[in-house]
Amino acid sequence: RELPQGLNLGRAVTADEIKAWDISIPPSGAGLPPGS
């Protein structure tokens, strides 16, 4: 929000957009999706 007026460079990322890319699975397996 601190960009000079008129440059129109992007926007803030939404929570849903972050969630779609937040798919990392650690060694423990936490967050594995169901499936087989």
Full PDB file with SEQRES, HELIX, SHEET, SSBOND, CRYST1, ORIGX, SCALE, CONECT and MASTER records, all heavy atoms in Angstrom:
SEQRES   1 A   36  ARG GLU LEU PRO GLN GLY LEU ASN LEU GLY ARG ALA VAL          
SEQRES   2 A   36  THR ALA ASP GLU ILE LYS ALA TRP ASP ILE SER ILE PRO          
SEQRES   3 A   36  PRO SER GLY ALA GLY LEU PRO PRO GLY SER                      
HELIX    1 AA1 ALA A   15  TRP A   21  1                                   7    
CRYST1    1.000    1.000    1.000  90.00  90.00  90.00 P 1           1          
ORIGX1      1.000000  0.000000  0.000000        0.00000                         
ORIGX2      0.000000  1.000000  0.000000        0.00000                         
ORIGX3      0.000000  0.000000  1.000000        0.00000                         
SCALE1      1.000000  0.000000  0.000000        0.00000                         
SCALE2      0.000000  1.000000  0.000000        0.00000                         
SCALE3      0.000000  0.000000  1.000000        0.00000                         
ATOM      1  N   ARG A   1       0.813  -1.212   0.000  1.00  0.00           N  
ATOM      2  CA  ARG A   1       0.000   0.000   0.000  1.00  0.00           C  
ATOM      3  C   ARG A   1       0.854   1.273   0.000  1.00  0.00           C  
ATOM      4  O   ARG A   1       0.329   2.351  -0.052  1.00  0.00           O  
ATOM      5  CB  ARG A   1      -0.915  -0.001   1.212  1.00  0.00           C  
ATOM      6  CG  ARG A   1      -1.907  -1.150   1.192  1.00  0.00           C  
ATOM      7  CD  ARG A   1      -2.983  -0.953   2.233  1.00  0.00           C  
ATOM      8  NE  ARG A   1      -3.673  -2.115   2.672  1.00  0.00           N  
ATOM      9  CZ  ARG A   1      -4.388  -2.941   1.948  1.00  0.00           C  
ATOM     10  NH1 ARG A   1      -4.473  -2.755   0.673  1.00  0.00           N  
ATOM     11  NH2 ARG A   1      -5.005  -3.977   2.463  1.00  0.00           N  
ATOM     12  N   GLU A   2       2.171   1.127   0.055  1.00  0.00           N  
ATOM     13  CA  GLU A   2       3.041   2.294   0.124  1.00  0.00           C  
ATOM     14  C   GLU A   2       3.582   2.723  -1.235  1.00  0.00           C  
ATOM     15  O   GLU A   2       4.396   3.616  -1.315  1.00  0.00           O  
ATOM     16  CB  GLU A   2       4.200   2.005   1.081  1.00  0.00           C  
ATOM     17  CG  GLU A   2       3.734   1.736   2.499  1.00  0.00           C  
ATOM     18  CD  GLU A   2       4.866   1.250   3.375  1.00  0.00           C  
ATOM     19  OE1 GLU A   2       6.029   1.564   3.089  1.00  0.00           O  
ATOM     20  OE2 GLU A   2       4.579   0.538   4.338  1.00  0.00           O  
ATOM     21  N   LEU A   3       3.152   2.070  -2.299  1.00  0.00           N  
ATOM     22  CA  LEU A   3       3.608   2.453  -3.626  1.00  0.00           C  
ATOM     23  C   LEU A   3       3.023   3.805  -4.005  1.00  0.00           C  
ATOM     24  O   LEU A   3       1.903   4.132  -3.610  1.00  0.00           O  
ATOM     25  CB  LEU A   3       3.184   1.411  -4.658  1.00  0.00           C  
ATOM     26  CG  LEU A   3       3.872   0.056  -4.544  1.00  0.00           C  
ATOM     27  CD1 LEU A   3       3.216  -0.933  -5.513  1.00  0.00           C  
ATOM     28  CD2 LEU A   3       5.346   0.163  -4.837  1.00  0.00           C  
ATOM     29  N   PRO A   4       3.741   4.585  -4.761  1.00  0.00           N  
ATOM     30  CA  PRO A   4       3.211   5.871  -5.209  1.00  0.00           C  
ATOM     31  C   PRO A   4       1.910   5.680  -5.993  1.00  0.00           C  
ATOM     32  O   PRO A   4       1.732   4.677  -6.679  1.00  0.00           O  
ATOM     33  CB  PRO A   4       4.311   6.415  -6.119  1.00  0.00           C  
ATOM     34  CG  PRO A   4       5.542   5.702  -5.689  1.00  0.00           C  
ATOM     35  CD  PRO A   4       5.102   4.354  -5.208  1.00  0.00           C  
ATOM     36  N   GLN A   5       1.004   6.609  -5.867  1.00  0.00           N  
ATOM     37  CA  GLN A   5      -0.289   6.547  -6.546  1.00  0.00           C  
ATOM     38  C   GLN A   5      -0.093   6.467  -8.055  1.00  0.00           C  
ATOM     39  O   GLN A   5       0.803   7.071  -8.612  1.00  0.00           O  
ATOM     40  CB  GLN A   5      -1.113   7.798  -6.200  1.00  0.00           C  
ATOM     41  CG  GLN A   5      -1.512   7.867  -4.735  1.00  0.00           C  
ATOM     42  CD  GLN A   5      -2.468   6.745  -4.346  1.00  0.00           C  
ATOM     43  OE1 GLN A   5      -3.234   6.268  -5.158  1.00  0.00           O  
ATOM     44  NE2 GLN A   5      -2.399   6.321  -3.095  1.00  0.00           N  
ATOM     45  N   GLY A   6      -0.946   5.701  -8.711  1.00  0.00           N  
ATOM     46  CA  GLY A   6      -0.947   5.651 -10.158  1.00  0.00           C  
ATOM     47  C   GLY A   6      -0.101   4.551 -10.772  1.00  0.00           C  
ATOM     48  O   GLY A   6      -0.207   4.306 -11.961  1.00  0.00           O  
ATOM     49  N   LEU A   7       0.789   3.891 -10.001  1.00  0.00           N  
ATOM     50  CA  LEU A   7       1.622   2.847 -10.608  1.00  0.00           C  
ATOM     51  C   LEU A   7       0.853   1.550 -10.814  1.00  0.00           C  
ATOM     52  O   LEU A   7       1.159   0.782 -11.710  1.00  0.00           O  
ATOM     53  CB  LEU A   7       2.867   2.577  -9.759  1.00  0.00           C  
ATOM     54  CG  LEU A   7       3.932   3.659  -9.817  1.00  0.00           C  
ATOM     55  CD1 LEU A   7       5.133   3.256  -8.985  1.00  0.00           C  
ATOM     56  CD2 LEU A   7       4.369   3.924 -11.251  1.00  0.00           C  
ATOM     57  N   ASN A   8      -0.131   1.265  -9.960  1.00  0.00           N  
ATOM     58  CA  ASN A   8      -0.978   0.089 -10.115  1.00  0.00           C  
ATOM     59  C   ASN A   8      -0.150  -1.183 -10.290  1.00  0.00           C  
ATOM     60  O   ASN A   8      -0.319  -1.923 -11.247  1.00  0.00           O  
ATOM     61  CB  ASN A   8      -1.946   0.282 -11.285  1.00  0.00           C  
ATOM     62  CG  ASN A   8      -3.094  -0.700 -11.224  1.00  0.00           C  
ATOM     63  OD1 ASN A   8      -3.394  -1.261 -10.170  1.00  0.00           O  
ATOM     64  ND2 ASN A   8      -3.751  -0.914 -12.361  1.00  0.00           N  
ATOM     65  N   LEU A   9       0.782  -1.413  -9.376  1.00  0.00           N  
ATOM     66  CA  LEU A   9       1.665  -2.581  -9.437  1.00  0.00           C  
ATOM     67  C   LEU A   9       1.163  -3.671  -8.503  1.00  0.00           C  
ATOM     68  O   LEU A   9       1.500  -3.728  -7.330  1.00  0.00           O  
ATOM     69  CB  LEU A   9       3.098  -2.197  -9.054  1.00  0.00           C  
ATOM     70  CG  LEU A   9       3.787  -1.214  -9.974  1.00  0.00           C  
ATOM     71  CD1 LEU A   9       5.137  -0.808  -9.416  1.00  0.00           C  
ATOM     72  CD2 LEU A   9       3.937  -1.802 -11.362  1.00  0.00           C  
ATOM     73  N   GLY A  10       0.331  -4.555  -8.995  1.00  0.00           N  
ATOM     74  CA  GLY A  10      -0.101  -5.709  -8.234  1.00  0.00           C  
ATOM     75  C   GLY A  10      -1.135  -5.393  -7.176  1.00  0.00           C  
ATOM     76  O   GLY A  10      -1.725  -4.323  -7.122  1.00  0.00           O  
ATOM     77  N   ARG A  11      -1.328  -6.397  -6.289  1.00  0.00           N  
ATOM     78  CA  ARG A  11      -2.300  -6.293  -5.216  1.00  0.00           C  
ATOM     79  C   ARG A  11      -1.876  -7.235  -4.107  1.00  0.00           C  
ATOM     80  O   ARG A  11      -1.010  -8.081  -4.283  1.00  0.00           O  
ATOM     81  CB  ARG A  11      -3.688  -6.655  -5.716  1.00  0.00           C  
ATOM     82  CG  ARG A  11      -3.748  -8.091  -6.243  1.00  0.00           C  
ATOM     83  CD  ARG A  11      -5.152  -8.491  -6.598  1.00  0.00           C  
ATOM     84  NE  ARG A  11      -5.197  -9.784  -7.242  1.00  0.00           N  
ATOM     85  CZ  ARG A  11      -5.010 -10.956  -6.634  1.00  0.00           C  
ATOM     86  NH1 ARG A  11      -4.753 -11.006  -5.347  1.00  0.00           N  
ATOM     87  NH2 ARG A  11      -5.068 -12.095  -7.298  1.00  0.00           N  
ATOM     88  N   ALA A  12      -2.513  -7.120  -2.972  1.00  0.00           N  
ATOM     89  CA  ALA A  12      -2.229  -8.025  -1.860  1.00  0.00           C  
ATOM     90  C   ALA A  12      -2.742  -9.421  -2.206  1.00  0.00           C  
ATOM     91  O   ALA A  12      -3.773  -9.579  -2.850  1.00  0.00           O  
ATOM     92  CB  ALA A  12      -2.902  -7.517  -0.592  1.00  0.00           C  
ATOM     93  N   VAL A  13      -2.006 -10.435  -1.787  1.00  0.00           N  
ATOM     94  CA  VAL A  13      -2.392 -11.817  -2.025  1.00  0.00           C  
ATOM     95  C   VAL A  13      -3.517 -12.181  -1.059  1.00  0.00           C  
ATOM     96  O   VAL A  13      -3.465 -11.839   0.118  1.00  0.00           O  
ATOM     97  CB  VAL A  13      -1.185 -12.757  -1.810  1.00  0.00           C  
ATOM     98  CG1 VAL A  13      -1.566 -14.200  -2.022  1.00  0.00           C  
ATOM     99  CG2 VAL A  13      -0.037 -12.368  -2.726  1.00  0.00           C  
ATOM    100  N   THR A  14      -4.516 -12.898  -1.555  1.00  0.00           N  
ATOM    101  CA  THR A  14      -5.629 -13.293  -0.708  1.00  0.00           C  
ATOM    102  C   THR A  14      -5.281 -14.546   0.093  1.00  0.00           C  
ATOM    103  O   THR A  14      -4.371 -15.293  -0.275  1.00  0.00           O  
ATOM    104  CB  THR A  14      -6.894 -13.581  -1.531  1.00  0.00           C  
ATOM    105  OG1 THR A  14      -6.673 -14.773  -2.299  1.00  0.00           O  
ATOM    106  CG2 THR A  14      -7.261 -12.416  -2.437  1.00  0.00           C  
ATOM    107  N   ALA A  15      -6.021 -14.786   1.151  1.00  0.00           N  
ATOM    108  CA  ALA A  15      -5.813 -15.979   1.975  1.00  0.00           C  
ATOM    109  C   ALA A  15      -6.032 -17.246   1.157  1.00  0.00           C  
ATOM    110  O   ALA A  15      -5.309 -18.240   1.324  1.00  0.00           O  
ATOM    111  CB  ALA A  15      -6.734 -15.946   3.186  1.00  0.00           C  
ATOM    112  N   ASP A  16      -7.011 -17.253   0.266  1.00  0.00           N  
ATOM    113  CA  ASP A  16      -7.264 -18.428  -0.575  1.00  0.00           C  
ATOM    114  C   ASP A  16      -6.112 -18.690  -1.540  1.00  0.00           C  
ATOM    115  O   ASP A  16      -5.778 -19.840  -1.816  1.00  0.00           O  
ATOM    116  CB  ASP A  16      -8.565 -18.265  -1.355  1.00  0.00           C  
ATOM    117  CG  ASP A  16      -9.806 -18.431  -0.484  1.00  0.00           C  
ATOM    118  OD1 ASP A  16      -9.691 -19.029   0.610  1.00  0.00           O  
ATOM    119  OD2 ASP A  16     -10.881 -17.964  -0.904  1.00  0.00           O  
ATOM    120  N   GLU A  17      -5.508 -17.635  -2.067  1.00  0.00           N  
ATOM    121  CA  GLU A  17      -4.357 -17.805  -2.956  1.00  0.00           C  
ATOM    122  C   GLU A  17      -3.163 -18.382  -2.206  1.00  0.00           C  
ATOM    123  O   GLU A  17      -2.454 -19.250  -2.725  1.00  0.00           O  
ATOM    124  CB  GLU A  17      -3.988 -16.468  -3.608  1.00  0.00           C  
ATOM    125  CG  GLU A  17      -5.008 -16.016  -4.633  1.00  0.00           C  
ATOM    126  CD  GLU A  17      -4.804 -14.582  -5.084  1.00  0.00           C  
ATOM    127  OE1 GLU A  17      -4.311 -13.748  -4.294  1.00  0.00           O  
ATOM    128  OE2 GLU A  17      -5.153 -14.299  -6.234  1.00  0.00           O  
ATOM    129  N   ILE A  18      -2.944 -17.918  -1.006  1.00  0.00           N  
ATOM    130  CA  ILE A  18      -1.852 -18.463  -0.187  1.00  0.00           C  
ATOM    131  C   ILE A  18      -2.119 -19.929   0.134  1.00  0.00           C  
ATOM    132  O   ILE A  18      -1.242 -20.778  -0.001  1.00  0.00           O  
ATOM    133  CB  ILE A  18      -1.666 -17.639   1.101  1.00  0.00           C  
ATOM    134  CG1 ILE A  18      -1.129 -16.250   0.755  1.00  0.00           C  
ATOM    135  CG2 ILE A  18      -0.725 -18.356   2.074  1.00  0.00           C  
ATOM    136  CD1 ILE A  18      -1.105 -15.286   1.910  1.00  0.00           C  
ATOM    137  N   LYS A  19      -3.351 -20.237   0.515  1.00  0.00           N  
ATOM    138  CA  LYS A  19      -3.714 -21.613   0.860  1.00  0.00           C  
ATOM    139  C   LYS A  19      -3.481 -22.557  -0.321  1.00  0.00           C  
ATOM    140  O   LYS A  19      -3.033 -23.688  -0.149  1.00  0.00           O  
ATOM    141  CB  LYS A  19      -5.163 -21.672   1.318  1.00  0.00           C  
ATOM    142  CG  LYS A  19      -5.587 -23.036   1.794  1.00  0.00           C  
ATOM    143  CD  LYS A  19      -7.018 -23.020   2.297  1.00  0.00           C  
ATOM    144  CE  LYS A  19      -7.417 -24.412   2.757  1.00  0.00           C  
ATOM    145  NZ  LYS A  19      -8.794 -24.451   3.219  1.00  0.00           N  
ATOM    146  N   ALA A  20      -3.780 -22.113  -1.532  1.00  0.00           N  
ATOM    147  CA  ALA A  20      -3.603 -22.955  -2.716  1.00  0.00           C  
ATOM    148  C   ALA A  20      -2.141 -23.320  -2.946  1.00  0.00           C  
ATOM    149  O   ALA A  20      -1.834 -24.380  -3.502  1.00  0.00           O  
ATOM    150  CB  ALA A  20      -4.164 -22.249  -3.950  1.00  0.00           C  
ATOM    151  N   TRP A  21      -1.209 -22.478  -2.535  1.00  0.00           N  
ATOM    152  CA  TRP A  21       0.218 -22.750  -2.707  1.00  0.00           C  
ATOM    153  C   TRP A  21       0.865 -23.297  -1.448  1.00  0.00           C  
ATOM    154  O   TRP A  21       2.003 -23.754  -1.482  1.00  0.00           O  
ATOM    155  CB  TRP A  21       0.942 -21.487  -3.171  1.00  0.00           C  
ATOM    156  CG  TRP A  21       0.728 -21.277  -4.628  1.00  0.00           C  
ATOM    157  CD1 TRP A  21      -0.201 -20.480  -5.220  1.00  0.00           C  
ATOM    158  CD2 TRP A  21       1.437 -21.916  -5.684  1.00  0.00           C  
ATOM    159  NE1 TRP A  21      -0.115 -20.583  -6.574  1.00  0.00           N  
ATOM    160  CE2 TRP A  21       0.891 -21.448  -6.895  1.00  0.00           C  
ATOM    161  CE3 TRP A  21       2.488 -22.826  -5.735  1.00  0.00           C  
ATOM    162  CZ2 TRP A  21       1.342 -21.875  -8.136  1.00  0.00           C  
ATOM    163  CZ3 TRP A  21       2.939 -23.246  -6.982  1.00  0.00           C  
ATOM    164  CH2 TRP A  21       2.371 -22.765  -8.161  1.00  0.00           C  
ATOM    165  N   ASP A  22       0.180 -23.267  -0.329  1.00  0.00           N  
ATOM    166  CA  ASP A  22       0.743 -23.743   0.938  1.00  0.00           C  
ATOM    167  C   ASP A  22       0.483 -25.238   1.063  1.00  0.00           C  
ATOM    168  O   ASP A  22      -0.377 -25.679   1.826  1.00  0.00           O  
ATOM    169  CB  ASP A  22       0.115 -22.978   2.106  1.00  0.00           C  
ATOM    170  CG  ASP A  22       0.779 -23.315   3.433  1.00  0.00           C  
ATOM    171  OD1 ASP A  22       1.886 -23.885   3.429  1.00  0.00           O  
ATOM    172  OD2 ASP A  22       0.174 -23.034   4.472  1.00  0.00           O  
ATOM    173  N   ILE A  23       1.216 -26.029   0.286  1.00  0.00           N  
ATOM    174  CA  ILE A  23       0.974 -27.471   0.226  1.00  0.00           C  
ATOM    175  C   ILE A  23       2.171 -28.288   0.691  1.00  0.00           C  
ATOM    176  O   ILE A  23       2.203 -29.494   0.483  1.00  0.00           O  
ATOM    177  CB  ILE A  23       0.573 -27.896  -1.204  1.00  0.00           C  
ATOM    178  CG1 ILE A  23       1.691 -27.589  -2.190  1.00  0.00           C  
ATOM    179  CG2 ILE A  23      -0.745 -27.243  -1.614  1.00  0.00           C  
ATOM    180  CD1 ILE A  23       1.493 -28.193  -3.559  1.00  0.00           C  
ATOM    181  N   SER A  24       3.146 -27.674   1.314  1.00  0.00           N  
ATOM    182  CA  SER A  24       4.349 -28.391   1.724  1.00  0.00           C  
ATOM    183  C   SER A  24       4.026 -29.476   2.746  1.00  0.00           C  
ATOM    184  O   SER A  24       3.244 -29.271   3.667  1.00  0.00           O  
ATOM    185  CB  SER A  24       5.368 -27.423   2.323  1.00  0.00           C  
ATOM    186  OG  SER A  24       5.820 -26.546   1.327  1.00  0.00           O  
ATOM    187  N   ILE A  25       4.651 -30.621   2.562  1.00  0.00           N  
ATOM    188  CA  ILE A  25       4.506 -31.750   3.477  1.00  0.00           C  
ATOM    189  C   ILE A  25       5.853 -31.987   4.140  1.00  0.00           C  
ATOM    190  O   ILE A  25       6.841 -32.271   3.466  1.00  0.00           O  
ATOM    191  CB  ILE A  25       4.058 -33.024   2.728  1.00  0.00           C  
ATOM    192  CG1 ILE A  25       2.777 -32.787   1.931  1.00  0.00           C  
ATOM    193  CG2 ILE A  25       3.932 -34.200   3.696  1.00  0.00           C  
ATOM    194  CD1 ILE A  25       1.576 -32.434   2.756  1.00  0.00           C  
ATOM    195  N   PRO A  26       5.922 -31.904   5.471  1.00  0.00           N  
ATOM    196  CA  PRO A  26       7.187 -32.136   6.179  1.00  0.00           C  
ATOM    197  C   PRO A  26       7.448 -33.638   6.342  1.00  0.00           C  
ATOM    198  O   PRO A  26       6.574 -34.466   6.048  1.00  0.00           O  
ATOM    199  CB  PRO A  26       6.948 -31.466   7.530  1.00  0.00           C  
ATOM    200  CG  PRO A  26       5.472 -31.604   7.749  1.00  0.00           C  
ATOM    201  CD  PRO A  26       4.853 -31.482   6.379  1.00  0.00           C  
ATOM    202  N   PRO A  27       8.618 -34.014   6.840  1.00  0.00           N  
ATOM    203  CA  PRO A  27       8.920 -35.431   7.065  1.00  0.00           C  
ATOM    204  C   PRO A  27       7.879 -36.155   7.915  1.00  0.00           C  
ATOM    205  O   PRO A  27       7.622 -37.338   7.708  1.00  0.00           O  
ATOM    206  CB  PRO A  27      10.277 -35.398   7.768  1.00  0.00           C  
ATOM    207  CG  PRO A  27      10.916 -34.157   7.261  1.00  0.00           C  
ATOM    208  CD  PRO A  27       9.781 -33.170   7.118  1.00  0.00           C  
ATOM    209  N   SER A  28       7.245 -35.448   8.839  1.00  0.00           N  
ATOM    210  CA  SER A  28       6.234 -36.084   9.695  1.00  0.00           C  
ATOM    211  C   SER A  28       4.993 -36.503   8.921  1.00  0.00           C  
ATOM    212  O   SER A  28       4.217 -37.332   9.390  1.00  0.00           O  
ATOM    213  CB  SER A  28       5.808 -35.121  10.802  1.00  0.00           C  
ATOM    214  OG  SER A  28       5.060 -34.036  10.250  1.00  0.00           O  
ATOM    215  N   GLY A  29       4.778 -35.939   7.752  1.00  0.00           N  
ATOM    216  CA  GLY A  29       3.593 -36.244   6.955  1.00  0.00           C  
ATOM    217  C   GLY A  29       2.400 -35.374   7.282  1.00  0.00           C  
ATOM    218  O   GLY A  29       1.326 -35.566   6.713  1.00  0.00           O  
ATOM    219  N   ALA A  30       2.554 -34.417   8.173  1.00  0.00           N  
ATOM    220  CA  ALA A  30       1.450 -33.528   8.521  1.00  0.00           C  
ATOM    221  C   ALA A  30       0.934 -32.837   7.257  1.00  0.00           C  
ATOM    222  O   ALA A  30       1.705 -32.319   6.467  1.00  0.00           O  
ATOM    223  CB  ALA A  30       1.911 -32.489   9.530  1.00  0.00           C  
ATOM    224  N   GLY A  31      -0.364 -32.876   7.088  1.00  0.00           N  
ATOM    225  CA  GLY A  31      -0.983 -32.212   5.947  1.00  0.00           C  
ATOM    226  C   GLY A  31      -1.096 -33.056   4.698  1.00  0.00           C  
ATOM    227  O   GLY A  31      -1.526 -32.552   3.655  1.00  0.00           O  
ATOM    228  N   LEU A  32      -0.726 -34.338   4.768  1.00  0.00           N  
ATOM    229  CA  LEU A  32      -0.893 -35.181   3.586  1.00  0.00           C  
ATOM    230  C   LEU A  32      -2.368 -35.217   3.191  1.00  0.00           C  
ATOM    231  O   LEU A  32      -3.240 -35.376   4.044  1.00  0.00           O  
ATOM    232  CB  LEU A  32      -0.434 -36.613   3.867  1.00  0.00           C  
ATOM    233  CG  LEU A  32       1.051 -36.889   3.754  1.00  0.00           C  
ATOM    234  CD1 LEU A  32       1.384 -38.242   4.374  1.00  0.00           C  
ATOM    235  CD2 LEU A  32       1.507 -36.832   2.308  1.00  0.00           C  
ATOM    236  N   PRO A  33      -2.659 -35.103   1.907  1.00  0.00           N  
ATOM    237  CA  PRO A  33      -4.056 -35.173   1.486  1.00  0.00           C  
ATOM    238  C   PRO A  33      -4.538 -36.617   1.496  1.00  0.00           C  
ATOM    239  O   PRO A  33      -3.737 -37.548   1.360  1.00  0.00           O  
ATOM    240  CB  PRO A  33      -4.012 -34.628   0.055  1.00  0.00           C  
ATOM    241  CG  PRO A  33      -2.657 -34.965  -0.425  1.00  0.00           C  
ATOM    242  CD  PRO A  33      -1.764 -34.839   0.791  1.00  0.00           C  
ATOM    243  N   PRO A  34      -5.836 -36.833   1.659  1.00  0.00           N  
ATOM    244  CA  PRO A  34      -6.344 -38.195   1.542  1.00  0.00           C  
ATOM    245  C   PRO A  34      -6.150 -38.696   0.123  1.00  0.00           C  
ATOM    246  O   PRO A  34      -6.158 -37.913  -0.826  1.00  0.00           O  
ATOM    247  CB  PRO A  34      -7.825 -38.058   1.889  1.00  0.00           C  
ATOM    248  CG  PRO A  34      -8.151 -36.618   1.755  1.00  0.00           C  
ATOM    249  CD  PRO A  34      -6.877 -35.855   1.909  1.00  0.00           C  
ATOM    250  N   GLY A  35      -5.969 -39.992   0.002  1.00  0.00           N  
ATOM    251  CA  GLY A  35      -5.817 -40.579  -1.319  1.00  0.00           C  
ATOM    252  C   GLY A  35      -4.981 -41.836  -1.258  1.00  0.00           C  
ATOM    253  O   GLY A  35      -4.443 -42.188  -0.207  1.00  0.00           O  
ATOM    254  N   SER A  36      -4.877 -42.499  -2.407  1.00  0.00           N  
ATOM    255  CA  SER A  36      -4.068 -43.709  -2.488  1.00  0.00           C  
ATOM    256  C   SER A  36      -3.743 -44.022  -3.934  1.00  0.00           C  
ATOM    257  O   SER A  36      -4.412 -43.536  -4.852  1.00  0.00           O  
ATOM    258  CB  SER A  36      -4.807 -44.891  -1.857  1.00  0.00           C  
ATOM    259  OG  SER A  36      -5.957 -45.210  -2.615  1.00  0.00           O  
TER     260      SER A  36                                                      
MASTER        0    0    0    1    0    0    0    6  259    1    0    3          
END                                                                             
